[in-house]
Amino acid sequence: MDSDSIVGLAAVVLLFGGGTLFLLSISPVGKAFAARILGKKSATAEPDETTAEEVRELRREVDELHHYGEQLNELGERVEFLERLVAKQRDAERLPPVR
């Protein structure tokens, strides 16, 4: 490659690369990225009333799911107890009567 083609290639890379970086910097993604680098919180970081209500609702749903898990564990224990009870009755039926 000669020096003219290298200069031309560098000019194209800088032109398109610089344009891409400029467009990224003015986009919401670029602004959020810059705020993250600077350690600033964005203006949308403050929860509004709708977001706070959604969080409260999700927490209620999570608590309800925990309750369902506890109920499911209790039902599992009951099923295991009944299985043992049925197995014990079957064993008793198989044994000859006591004399």
PDB file of N, CA and C in Angstrom:
ATOM      1  N   MET A   1       0.843  -1.176   0.000  1.00  0.00           N
ATOM      2  CA  MET A   1       0.000   0.000   0.000  1.00  0.00           C
ATOM      3  C   MET A   1       0.892   1.244   0.000  1.00  0.00           C
ATOM      4  N   ASP A   2       0.494   2.207  -0.770  1.00  0.00           N
ATOM      5  CA  ASP A   2       1.266   3.439  -0.778  1.00  0.00           C
ATOM      6  C   ASP A   2       0.695   4.427   0.234  1.00  0.00           C
ATOM      7  N   SER A   3       1.376   5.517   0.463  1.00  0.00           N
ATOM      8  CA  SER A   3       0.998   6.463   1.515  1.00  0.00           C
ATOM      9  C   SER A   3      -0.323   7.160   1.206  1.00  0.00           C
ATOM     10  N   ASP A   4      -0.671   7.328  -0.079  1.00  0.00           N
ATOM     11  CA  ASP A   4      -1.930   7.986  -0.426  1.00  0.00           C
ATOM     12  C   ASP A   4      -3.129   7.117  -0.044  1.00  0.00           C
ATOM     13  N   SER A   5      -3.023   5.818  -0.252  1.00  0.00           N
ATOM     14  CA  SER A   5      -4.140   4.945   0.097  1.00  0.00           C
ATOM     15  C   SER A   5      -4.289   4.824   1.616  1.00  0.00           C
ATOM     16  N   ILE A   6      -3.178   4.872   2.349  1.00  0.00           N
ATOM     17  CA  ILE A   6      -3.237   4.815   3.812  1.00  0.00           C
ATOM     18  C   ILE A   6      -3.888   6.078   4.347  1.00  0.00           C
ATOM     19  N   VAL A   7      -3.544   7.222   3.783  1.00  0.00           N
ATOM     20  CA  VAL A   7      -4.136   8.496   4.205  1.00  0.00           C
ATOM     21  C   VAL A   7      -5.629   8.487   3.892  1.00  0.00           C
ATOM     22  N   GLY A   8      -5.986   7.995   2.730  1.00  0.00           N
ATOM     23  CA  GLY A   8      -7.400   7.923   2.349  1.00  0.00           C
ATOM     24  C   GLY A   8      -8.177   6.990   3.266  1.00  0.00           C
ATOM     25  N   LEU A   9      -7.589   5.836   3.592  1.00  0.00           N
ATOM     26  CA  LEU A   9      -8.226   4.891   4.502  1.00  0.00           C
ATOM     27  C   LEU A   9      -8.391   5.491   5.887  1.00  0.00           C
ATOM     28  N   ALA A  10      -7.365   6.186   6.375  1.00  0.00           N
ATOM     29  CA  ALA A  10      -7.438   6.823   7.687  1.00  0.00           C
ATOM     30  C   ALA A  10      -8.511   7.909   7.689  1.00  0.00           C
ATOM     31  N   ALA A  11      -8.623   8.652   6.613  1.00  0.00           N
ATOM     32  CA  ALA A  11      -9.631   9.710   6.526  1.00  0.00           C
ATOM     33  C   ALA A  11     -11.036   9.118   6.567  1.00  0.00           C
ATOM     34  N   VAL A  12     -11.258   8.034   5.857  1.00  0.00           N
ATOM     35  CA  VAL A  12     -12.573   7.388   5.849  1.00  0.00           C
ATOM     36  C   VAL A  12     -12.905   6.850   7.232  1.00  0.00           C
ATOM     37  N   VAL A  13     -11.946   6.178   7.873  1.00  0.00           N
ATOM     38  CA  VAL A  13     -12.175   5.613   9.205  1.00  0.00           C
ATOM     39  C   VAL A  13     -12.482   6.718  10.201  1.00  0.00           C
ATOM     40  N   LEU A  14     -11.696   7.808  10.189  1.00  0.00           N
ATOM     41  CA  LEU A  14     -11.927   8.912  11.109  1.00  0.00           C
ATOM     42  C   LEU A  14     -13.252   9.611  10.831  1.00  0.00           C
ATOM     43  N   LEU A  15     -13.603   9.776   9.557  1.00  0.00           N
ATOM     44  CA  LEU A  15     -14.848  10.456   9.206  1.00  0.00           C
ATOM     45  C   LEU A  15     -16.054   9.644   9.670  1.00  0.00           C
ATOM     46  N   PHE A  16     -16.107   8.370   9.299  1.00  0.00           N
ATOM     47  CA  PHE A  16     -17.259   7.551   9.681  1.00  0.00           C
ATOM     48  C   PHE A  16     -17.234   7.183  11.162  1.00  0.00           C
ATOM     49  N   GLY A  17     -16.043   6.908  11.684  1.00  0.00           N
ATOM     50  CA  GLY A  17     -15.937   6.594  13.113  1.00  0.00           C
ATOM     51  C   GLY A  17     -16.302   7.783  13.978  1.00  0.00           C
ATOM     52  N   GLY A  18     -15.806   8.961  13.587  1.00  0.00           N
ATOM     53  CA  GLY A  18     -16.134  10.177  14.340  1.00  0.00           C
ATOM     54  C   GLY A  18     -17.611  10.510  14.257  1.00  0.00           C
ATOM     55  N   GLY A  19     -18.182  10.340  13.085  1.00  0.00           N
ATOM     56  CA  GLY A  19     -19.621  10.597  12.927  1.00  0.00           C
ATOM     57  C   GLY A  19     -20.448   9.638  13.752  1.00  0.00           C
ATOM     58  N   THR A  20     -20.031   8.387  13.771  1.00  0.00           N
ATOM     59  CA  THR A  20     -20.757   7.391  14.565  1.00  0.00           C
ATOM     60  C   THR A  20     -20.669   7.709  16.050  1.00  0.00           C
ATOM     61  N   LEU A  21     -19.467   8.071  16.520  1.00  0.00           N
ATOM     62  CA  LEU A  21     -19.308   8.429  17.927  1.00  0.00           C
ATOM     63  C   LEU A  21     -20.102   9.678  18.285  1.00  0.00           C
ATOM     64  N   PHE A  22     -20.146  10.648  17.373  1.00  0.00           N
ATOM     65  CA  PHE A  22     -20.926  11.855  17.637  1.00  0.00           C
ATOM     66  C   PHE A  22     -22.409  11.521  17.758  1.00  0.00           C
ATOM     67  N   LEU A  23     -22.925  10.739  16.837  1.00  0.00           N
ATOM     68  CA  LEU A  23     -24.342  10.370  16.897  1.00  0.00           C
ATOM     69  C   LEU A  23     -24.656   9.546  18.140  1.00  0.00           C
ATOM     70  N   LEU A  24     -23.742   8.686  18.523  1.00  0.00           N
ATOM     71  CA  LEU A  24     -23.937   7.908  19.740  1.00  0.00           C
ATOM     72  C   LEU A  24     -23.944   8.804  20.968  1.00  0.00           C
ATOM     73  N   SER A  25     -23.072   9.817  20.967  1.00  0.00           N
ATOM     74  CA  SER A  25     -22.977  10.689  22.141  1.00  0.00           C
ATOM     75  C   SER A  25     -24.226  11.533  22.345  1.00  0.00           C
ATOM     76  N   ILE A  26     -24.958  11.860  21.291  1.00  0.00           N
ATOM     77  CA  ILE A  26     -26.167  12.671  21.457  1.00  0.00           C
ATOM     78  C   ILE A  26     -27.428  11.823  21.599  1.00  0.00           C
ATOM     79  N   SER A  27     -27.277  10.518  21.482  1.00  0.00           N
ATOM     80  CA  SER A  27     -28.424   9.635  21.642  1.00  0.00           C
ATOM     81  C   SER A  27     -28.677   9.388  23.131  1.00  0.00           C
ATOM     82  N   PRO A  28     -29.870   8.922  23.505  1.00  0.00           N
ATOM     83  CA  PRO A  28     -30.139   8.612  24.911  1.00  0.00           C
ATOM     84  C   PRO A  28     -29.197   7.560  25.480  1.00  0.00           C
ATOM     85  N   VAL A  29     -28.801   6.612  24.657  1.00  0.00           N
ATOM     86  CA  VAL A  29     -27.863   5.584  25.109  1.00  0.00           C
ATOM     87  C   VAL A  29     -26.516   6.211  25.430  1.00  0.00           C
ATOM     88  N   GLY A  30     -26.046   7.101  24.573  1.00  0.00           N
ATOM     89  CA  GLY A  30     -24.776   7.771  24.809  1.00  0.00           C
ATOM     90  C   GLY A  30     -24.818   8.651  26.047  1.00  0.00           C
ATOM     91  N   LYS A  31     -25.931   9.359  26.245  1.00  0.00           N
ATOM     92  CA  LYS A  31     -26.067  10.204  27.434  1.00  0.00           C
ATOM     93  C   LYS A  31     -26.091   9.355  28.703  1.00  0.00           C
ATOM     94  N   ALA A  32     -26.779   8.236  28.665  1.00  0.00           N
ATOM     95  CA  ALA A  32     -26.825   7.350  29.830  1.00  0.00           C
ATOM     96  C   ALA A  32     -25.446   6.760  30.104  1.00  0.00           C
ATOM     97  N   PHE A  33     -24.741   6.416  29.056  1.00  0.00           N
ATOM     98  CA  PHE A  33     -23.390   5.874  29.206  1.00  0.00           C
ATOM     99  C   PHE A  33     -22.456   6.920  29.817  1.00  0.00           C
ATOM    100  N   ALA A  34     -22.559   8.145  29.346  1.00  0.00           N
ATOM    101  CA  ALA A  34     -21.723   9.226  29.881  1.00  0.00           C
ATOM    102  C   ALA A  34     -22.063   9.490  31.344  1.00  0.00           C
ATOM    103  N   ALA A  35     -23.343   9.495  31.680  1.00  0.00           N
ATOM    104  CA  ALA A  35     -23.745   9.703  33.072  1.00  0.00           C
ATOM    105  C   ALA A  35     -23.229   8.574  33.952  1.00  0.00           C
ATOM    106  N   ARG A  36     -23.226   7.369  33.441  1.00  0.00           N
ATOM    107  CA  ARG A  36     -22.731   6.223  34.195  1.00  0.00           C
ATOM    108  C   ARG A  36     -21.231   6.357  34.457  1.00  0.00           C
ATOM    109  N   ILE A  37     -20.498   6.808  33.440  1.00  0.00           N
ATOM    110  CA  ILE A  37     -19.055   6.997  33.599  1.00  0.00           C
ATOM    111  C   ILE A  37     -18.775   8.083  34.635  1.00  0.00           C
ATOM    112  N   LEU A  38     -19.549   9.166  34.592  1.00  0.00           N
ATOM    113  CA  LEU A  38     -19.333  10.280  35.515  1.00  0.00           C
ATOM    114  C   LEU A  38     -19.895  10.007  36.901  1.00  0.00           C
ATOM    115  N   GLY A  39     -20.647   8.920  37.046  1.00  0.00           N
ATOM    116  CA  GLY A  39     -21.198   8.567  38.349  1.00  0.00           C
ATOM    117  C   GLY A  39     -22.452   9.338  38.697  1.00  0.00           C
ATOM    118  N   LYS A  40     -23.070   9.964  37.735  1.00  0.00           N
ATOM    119  CA  LYS A  40     -24.293  10.728  37.982  1.00  0.00           C
ATOM    120  C   LYS A  40     -25.502   9.825  37.836  1.00  0.00           C
ATOM    121  N   LYS A  41     -26.542  10.183  38.546  1.00  0.00           N
ATOM    122  CA  LYS A  41     -27.809   9.480  38.366  1.00  0.00           C
ATOM    123  C   LYS A  41     -28.606  10.240  37.323  1.00  0.00           C
ATOM    124  N   SER A  42     -29.316   9.499  36.502  1.00  0.00           N
ATOM    125  CA  SER A  42     -30.080  10.150  35.455  1.00  0.00           C
ATOM    126  C   SER A  42     -31.332  10.788  36.046  1.00  0.00           C
ATOM    127  N   ALA A  43     -31.942  11.639  35.275  1.00  0.00           N
ATOM    128  CA  ALA A  43     -33.149  12.322  35.731  1.00  0.00           C
ATOM    129  C   ALA A  43     -34.296  11.338  35.899  1.00  0.00           C
ATOM    130  N   THR A  44     -34.266  10.233  35.171  1.00  0.00           N
ATOM    131  CA  THR A  44     -35.343   9.248  35.271  1.00  0.00           C
ATOM    132  C   THR A  44     -35.096   8.246  36.385  1.00  0.00           C
ATOM    133  N   ALA A  45     -34.002   8.410  37.128  1.00  0.00           N
ATOM    134  CA  ALA A  45     -33.699   7.462  38.195  1.00  0.00           C
ATOM    135  C   ALA A  45     -34.634   7.636  39.390  1.00  0.00           C
ATOM    136  N   GLU A  46     -35.222   8.809  39.543  1.00  0.00           N
ATOM    137  CA  GLU A  46     -36.153   9.041  40.635  1.00  0.00           C
ATOM    138  C   GLU A  46     -37.451   8.296  40.349  1.00  0.00           C
ATOM    139  N   PRO A  47     -37.880   7.453  41.265  1.00  0.00           N
ATOM    140  CA  PRO A  47     -39.113   6.712  41.007  1.00  0.00           C
ATOM    141  C   PRO A  47     -40.330   7.623  41.119  1.00  0.00           C
ATOM    142  N   ASP A  48     -41.184   7.519  40.146  1.00  0.00           N
ATOM    143  CA  ASP A  48     -42.423   8.274  40.219  1.00  0.00           C
ATOM    144  C   ASP A  48     -43.480   7.426  40.929  1.00  0.00           C
ATOM    145  N   GLU A  49     -44.653   7.954  41.100  1.00  0.00           N
ATOM    146  CA  GLU A  49     -45.700   7.258  41.865  1.00  0.00           C
ATOM    147  C   GLU A  49     -46.135   5.969  41.175  1.00  0.00           C
ATOM    148  N   THR A  50     -46.177   5.962  39.852  1.00  0.00           N
ATOM    149  CA  THR A  50     -46.574   4.749  39.125  1.00  0.00           C
ATOM    150  C   THR A  50     -45.549   3.644  39.352  1.00  0.00           C
ATOM    151  N   THR A  51     -44.272   3.982  39.257  1.00  0.00           N
ATOM    152  CA  THR A  51     -43.221   2.986  39.464  1.00  0.00           C
ATOM    153  C   THR A  51     -43.245   2.472  40.896  1.00  0.00           C
ATOM    154  N   ALA A  52     -43.449   3.380  41.860  1.00  0.00           N
ATOM    155  CA  ALA A  52     -43.495   2.962  43.261  1.00  0.00           C
ATOM    156  C   ALA A  52     -44.670   2.015  43.503  1.00  0.00           C
ATOM    157  N   GLU A  53     -45.811   2.292  42.894  1.00  0.00           N
ATOM    158  CA  GLU A  53     -46.971   1.408  43.055  1.00  0.00           C
ATOM    159  C   GLU A  53     -46.709   0.058  42.408  1.00  0.00           C
ATOM    160  N   GLU A  54     -46.050   0.042  41.253  1.00  0.00           N
ATOM    161  CA  GLU A  54     -45.722  -1.226  40.597  1.00  0.00           C
ATOM    162  C   GLU A  54     -44.775  -2.052  41.466  1.00  0.00           C
ATOM    163  N   VAL A  55     -43.813  -1.392  42.102  1.00  0.00           N
ATOM    164  CA  VAL A  55     -42.881  -2.101  42.983  1.00  0.00           C
ATOM    165  C   VAL A  55     -43.634  -2.691  44.168  1.00  0.00           C
ATOM    166  N   ARG A  56     -44.542  -1.915  44.764  1.00  0.00           N
ATOM    167  CA  ARG A  56     -45.333  -2.436  45.896  1.00  0.00           C
ATOM    168  C   ARG A  56     -46.172  -3.640  45.463  1.00  0.00           C
ATOM    169  N   GLU A  57     -46.771  -3.547  44.278  1.00  0.00           N
ATOM    170  CA  GLU A  57     -47.585  -4.659  43.777  1.00  0.00           C
ATOM    171  C   GLU A  57     -46.732  -5.902  43.531  1.00  0.00           C
ATOM    172  N   LEU A  58     -45.551  -5.717  42.957  1.00  0.00           N
ATOM    173  CA  LEU A  58     -44.666  -6.855  42.714  1.00  0.00           C
ATOM    174  C   LEU A  58     -44.203  -7.482  44.019  1.00  0.00           C
ATOM    175  N   ARG A  59     -43.949  -6.671  45.034  1.00  0.00           N
ATOM    176  CA  ARG A  59     -43.557  -7.225  46.330  1.00  0.00           C
ATOM    177  C   ARG A  59     -44.690  -8.028  46.948  1.00  0.00           C
ATOM    178  N   ARG A  60     -45.924  -7.538  46.798  1.00  0.00           N
ATOM    179  CA  ARG A  60     -47.074  -8.307  47.304  1.00  0.00           C
ATOM    180  C   ARG A  60     -47.182  -9.646  46.587  1.00  0.00           C
ATOM    181  N   GLU A  61     -46.962  -9.626  45.279  1.00  0.00           N
ATOM    182  CA  GLU A  61     -47.029 -10.870  44.510  1.00  0.00           C
ATOM    183  C   GLU A  61     -45.922 -11.837  44.930  1.00  0.00           C
ATOM    184  N   VAL A  62     -44.733 -11.327  45.195  1.00  0.00           N
ATOM    185  CA  VAL A  62     -43.627 -12.180  45.640  1.00  0.00           C
ATOM    186  C   VAL A  62     -43.955 -12.792  46.999  1.00  0.00           C
ATOM    187  N   ASP A  63     -44.511 -11.978  47.911  1.00  0.00           N
ATOM    188  CA  ASP A  63     -44.915 -12.506  49.221  1.00  0.00           C
ATOM    189  C   ASP A  63     -45.970 -13.596  49.060  1.00  0.00           C
ATOM    190  N   GLU A  64     -46.895 -13.377  48.127  1.00  0.00           N
ATOM    191  CA  GLU A  64     -47.936 -14.372  47.878  1.00  0.00           C
ATOM    192  C   GLU A  64     -47.330 -15.664  47.327  1.00  0.00           C
ATOM    193  N   LEU A  65     -46.342 -15.536  46.452  1.00  0.00           N
ATOM    194  CA  LEU A  65     -45.677 -16.723  45.907  1.00  0.00           C
ATOM    195  C   LEU A  65     -44.922 -17.481  46.992  1.00  0.00           C
ATOM    196  N   HIS A  66     -44.314 -16.762  47.933  1.00  0.00           N
ATOM    197  CA  HIS A  66     -43.659 -17.432  49.057  1.00  0.00           C
ATOM    198  C   HIS A  66     -44.689 -18.216  49.868  1.00  0.00           C
ATOM    199  N   HIS A  67     -45.864 -17.630  50.053  1.00  0.00           N
ATOM    200  CA  HIS A  67     -46.932 -18.308  50.791  1.00  0.00           C
ATOM    201  C   HIS A  67     -47.365 -19.578  50.055  1.00  0.00           C
ATOM    202  N   TYR A  68     -47.467 -19.483  48.724  1.00  0.00           N
ATOM    203  CA  TYR A  68     -47.831 -20.669  47.950  1.00  0.00           C
ATOM    204  C   TYR A  68     -46.768 -21.753  48.080  1.00  0.00           C
ATOM    205  N   GLY A  69     -45.505 -21.361  48.138  1.00  0.00           N
ATOM    206  CA  GLY A  69     -44.436 -22.334  48.315  1.00  0.00           C
ATOM    207  C   GLY A  69     -44.550 -23.057  49.639  1.00  0.00           C
ATOM    208  N   GLU A  70     -44.889 -22.316  50.696  1.00  0.00           N
ATOM    209  CA  GLU A  70     -45.076 -22.942  52.010  1.00  0.00           C
ATOM    210  C   GLU A  70     -46.241 -23.922  51.972  1.00  0.00           C
ATOM    211  N   GLN A  71     -47.330 -23.515  51.329  1.00  0.00           N
ATOM    212  CA  GLN A  71     -48.488 -24.410  51.225  1.00  0.00           C
ATOM    213  C   GLN A  71     -48.129 -25.662  50.432  1.00  0.00           C
ATOM    214  N   LEU A  72     -47.352 -25.494  49.384  1.00  0.00           N
ATOM    215  CA  LEU A  72     -46.947 -26.637  48.566  1.00  0.00           C
ATOM    216  C   LEU A  72     -46.078 -27.598  49.371  1.00  0.00           C
ATOM    217  N   ASN A  73     -45.191 -27.072  50.207  1.00  0.00           N
ATOM    218  CA  ASN A  73     -44.373 -27.931  51.069  1.00  0.00           C
ATOM    219  C   ASN A  73     -45.246 -28.707  52.048  1.00  0.00           C
ATOM    220  N   GLU A  74     -46.249 -28.036  52.630  1.00  0.00           N
ATOM    221  CA  GLU A  74     -47.158 -28.721  53.556  1.00  0.00           C
ATOM    222  C   GLU A  74     -47.926 -29.836  52.845  1.00  0.00           C
ATOM    223  N   LEU A  75     -48.387 -29.559  51.629  1.00  0.00           N
ATOM    224  CA  LEU A  75     -49.105 -30.591  50.875  1.00  0.00           C
ATOM    225  C   LEU A  75     -48.190 -31.762  50.541  1.00  0.00           C
ATOM    226  N   GLY A  76     -46.926 -31.477  50.231  1.00  0.00           N
ATOM    227  CA  GLY A  76     -45.969 -32.552  49.959  1.00  0.00           C
ATOM    228  C   GLY A  76     -45.775 -33.434  51.179  1.00  0.00           C
ATOM    229  N   GLU A  77     -45.682 -32.820  52.355  1.00  0.00           N
ATOM    230  CA  GLU A  77     -45.535 -33.606  53.577  1.00  0.00           C
ATOM    231  C   GLU A  77     -46.768 -34.470  53.832  1.00  0.00           C
ATOM    232  N   ARG A  78     -47.941 -33.928  53.551  1.00  0.00           N
ATOM    233  CA  ARG A  78     -49.175 -34.706  53.737  1.00  0.00           C
ATOM    234  C   ARG A  78     -49.231 -35.882  52.777  1.00  0.00           C
ATOM    235  N   VAL A  79     -48.812 -35.653  51.534  1.00  0.00           N
ATOM    236  CA  VAL A  79     -48.811 -36.739  50.547  1.00  0.00           C
ATOM    237  C   VAL A  79     -47.846 -37.835  50.982  1.00  0.00           C
ATOM    238  N   GLU A  80     -46.670 -37.454  51.462  1.00  0.00           N
ATOM    239  CA  GLU A  80     -45.701 -38.451  51.929  1.00  0.00           C
ATOM    240  C   GLU A  80     -46.264 -39.250  53.106  1.00  0.00           C
ATOM    241  N   PHE A  81     -46.958 -38.572  54.010  1.00  0.00           N
ATOM    242  CA  PHE A  81     -47.563 -39.262  55.148  1.00  0.00           C
ATOM    243  C   PHE A  81     -48.611 -40.260  54.673  1.00  0.00           C
ATOM    244  N   LEU A  82     -49.465 -39.822  53.737  1.00  0.00           N
ATOM    245  CA  LEU A  82     -50.494 -40.726  53.230  1.00  0.00           C
ATOM    246  C   LEU A  82     -49.892 -41.897  52.467  1.00  0.00           C
ATOM    247  N   GLU A  83     -48.809 -41.658  51.730  1.00  0.00           N
ATOM    248  CA  GLU A  83     -48.147 -42.757  51.028  1.00  0.00           C
ATOM    249  C   GLU A  83     -47.611 -43.789  52.013  1.00  0.00           C
ATOM    250  N   ARG A  84     -47.006 -43.321  53.098  1.00  0.00           N
ATOM    251  CA  ARG A  84     -46.511 -44.257  54.117  1.00  0.00           C
ATOM    252  C   ARG A  84     -47.660 -45.013  54.758  1.00  0.00           C
ATOM    253  N   LEU A  85     -48.770 -44.321  55.002  1.00  0.00           N
ATOM    254  CA  LEU A  85     -49.935 -44.953  55.617  1.00  0.00           C
ATOM    255  C   LEU A  85     -50.513 -46.041  54.709  1.00  0.00           C
ATOM    256  N   VAL A  86     -50.626 -45.735  53.422  1.00  0.00           N
ATOM    257  CA  VAL A  86     -51.152 -46.718  52.465  1.00  0.00           C
ATOM    258  C   VAL A  86     -50.198 -47.902  52.344  1.00  0.00           C
ATOM    259  N   ALA A  87     -48.891 -47.626  52.307  1.00  0.00           N
ATOM    260  CA  ALA A  87     -47.915 -48.715  52.218  1.00  0.00           C
ATOM    261  C   ALA A  87     -47.991 -49.603  53.451  1.00  0.00           C
ATOM    262  N   LYS A  88     -48.187 -49.025  54.623  1.00  0.00           N
ATOM    263  CA  LYS A  88     -48.292 -49.795  55.858  1.00  0.00           C
ATOM    264  C   LYS A  88     -49.543 -50.678  55.824  1.00  0.00           C
ATOM    265  N   GLN A  89     -50.648 -50.153  55.300  1.00  0.00           N
ATOM    266  CA  GLN A  89     -51.880 -50.953  55.212  1.00  0.00           C
ATOM    267  C   GLN A  89     -51.703 -52.102  54.226  1.00  0.00           C
ATOM    268  N   ARG A  90     -51.017 -51.855  53.122  1.00  0.00           N
ATOM    269  CA  ARG A  90     -50.786 -52.917  52.139  1.00  0.00           C
ATOM    270  C   ARG A  90     -49.915 -54.014  52.738  1.00  0.00           C
ATOM    271  N   ASP A  91     -48.891 -53.601  53.484  1.00  0.00           N
ATOM    272  CA  ASP A  91     -48.027 -54.593  54.128  1.00  0.00           C
ATOM    273  C   ASP A  91     -48.825 -55.413  55.135  1.00  0.00           C
ATOM    274  N   ALA A  92     -49.719 -54.761  55.836  1.00  0.00           N
ATOM    275  CA  ALA A  92     -50.541 -55.480  56.835  1.00  0.00           C
ATOM    276  C   ALA A  92     -51.482 -56.468  56.149  1.00  0.00           C
ATOM    277  N   GLU A  93     -51.988 -56.139  54.971  1.00  0.00           N
ATOM    278  CA  GLU A  93     -52.882 -57.034  54.231  1.00  0.00           C
ATOM    279  C   GLU A  93     -52.127 -58.248  53.702  1.00  0.00           C
ATOM    280  N   ARG A  94     -50.858 -58.099  53.380  1.00  0.00           N
ATOM    281  CA  ARG A  94     -50.070 -59.190  52.821  1.00  0.00           C
ATOM    282  C   ARG A  94     -49.646 -60.207  53.904  1.00  0.00           C
ATOM    283  N   LEU A  95     -49.489 -59.726  55.117  1.00  0.00           N
ATOM    284  CA  LEU A  95     -49.049 -60.631  56.168  1.00  0.00           C
ATOM    285  C   LEU A  95     -50.177 -61.565  56.574  1.00  0.00           C
ATOM    286  N   PRO A  96     -49.837 -62.768  56.977  1.00  0.00           N
ATOM    287  CA  PRO A  96     -50.898 -63.698  57.434  1.00  0.00           C
ATOM    288  C   PRO A  96     -51.464 -63.165  58.752  1.00  0.00           C
ATOM    289  N   PRO A  97     -52.716 -63.514  59.033  1.00  0.00           N
ATOM    290  CA  PRO A  97     -53.333 -63.035  60.294  1.00  0.00           C
ATOM    291  C   PRO A  97     -52.588 -63.564  61.501  1.00  0.00           C
ATOM    292  N   VAL A  98     -52.581 -62.781  62.527  1.00  0.00           N
ATOM    293  CA  VAL A  98     -51.907 -63.151  63.773  1.00  0.00           C
ATOM    294  C   VAL A  98     -52.771 -64.143  64.540  1.00  0.00           C
ATOM    295  N   ARG A  99     -52.145 -65.253  65.049  1.00  0.00           N
ATOM    296  CA  ARG A  99     -52.926 -66.267  65.758  1.00  0.00           C
ATOM    297  C   ARG A  99     -52.754 -66.146  67.213  1.00  0.00           C
TER     298      ARG A  99
END
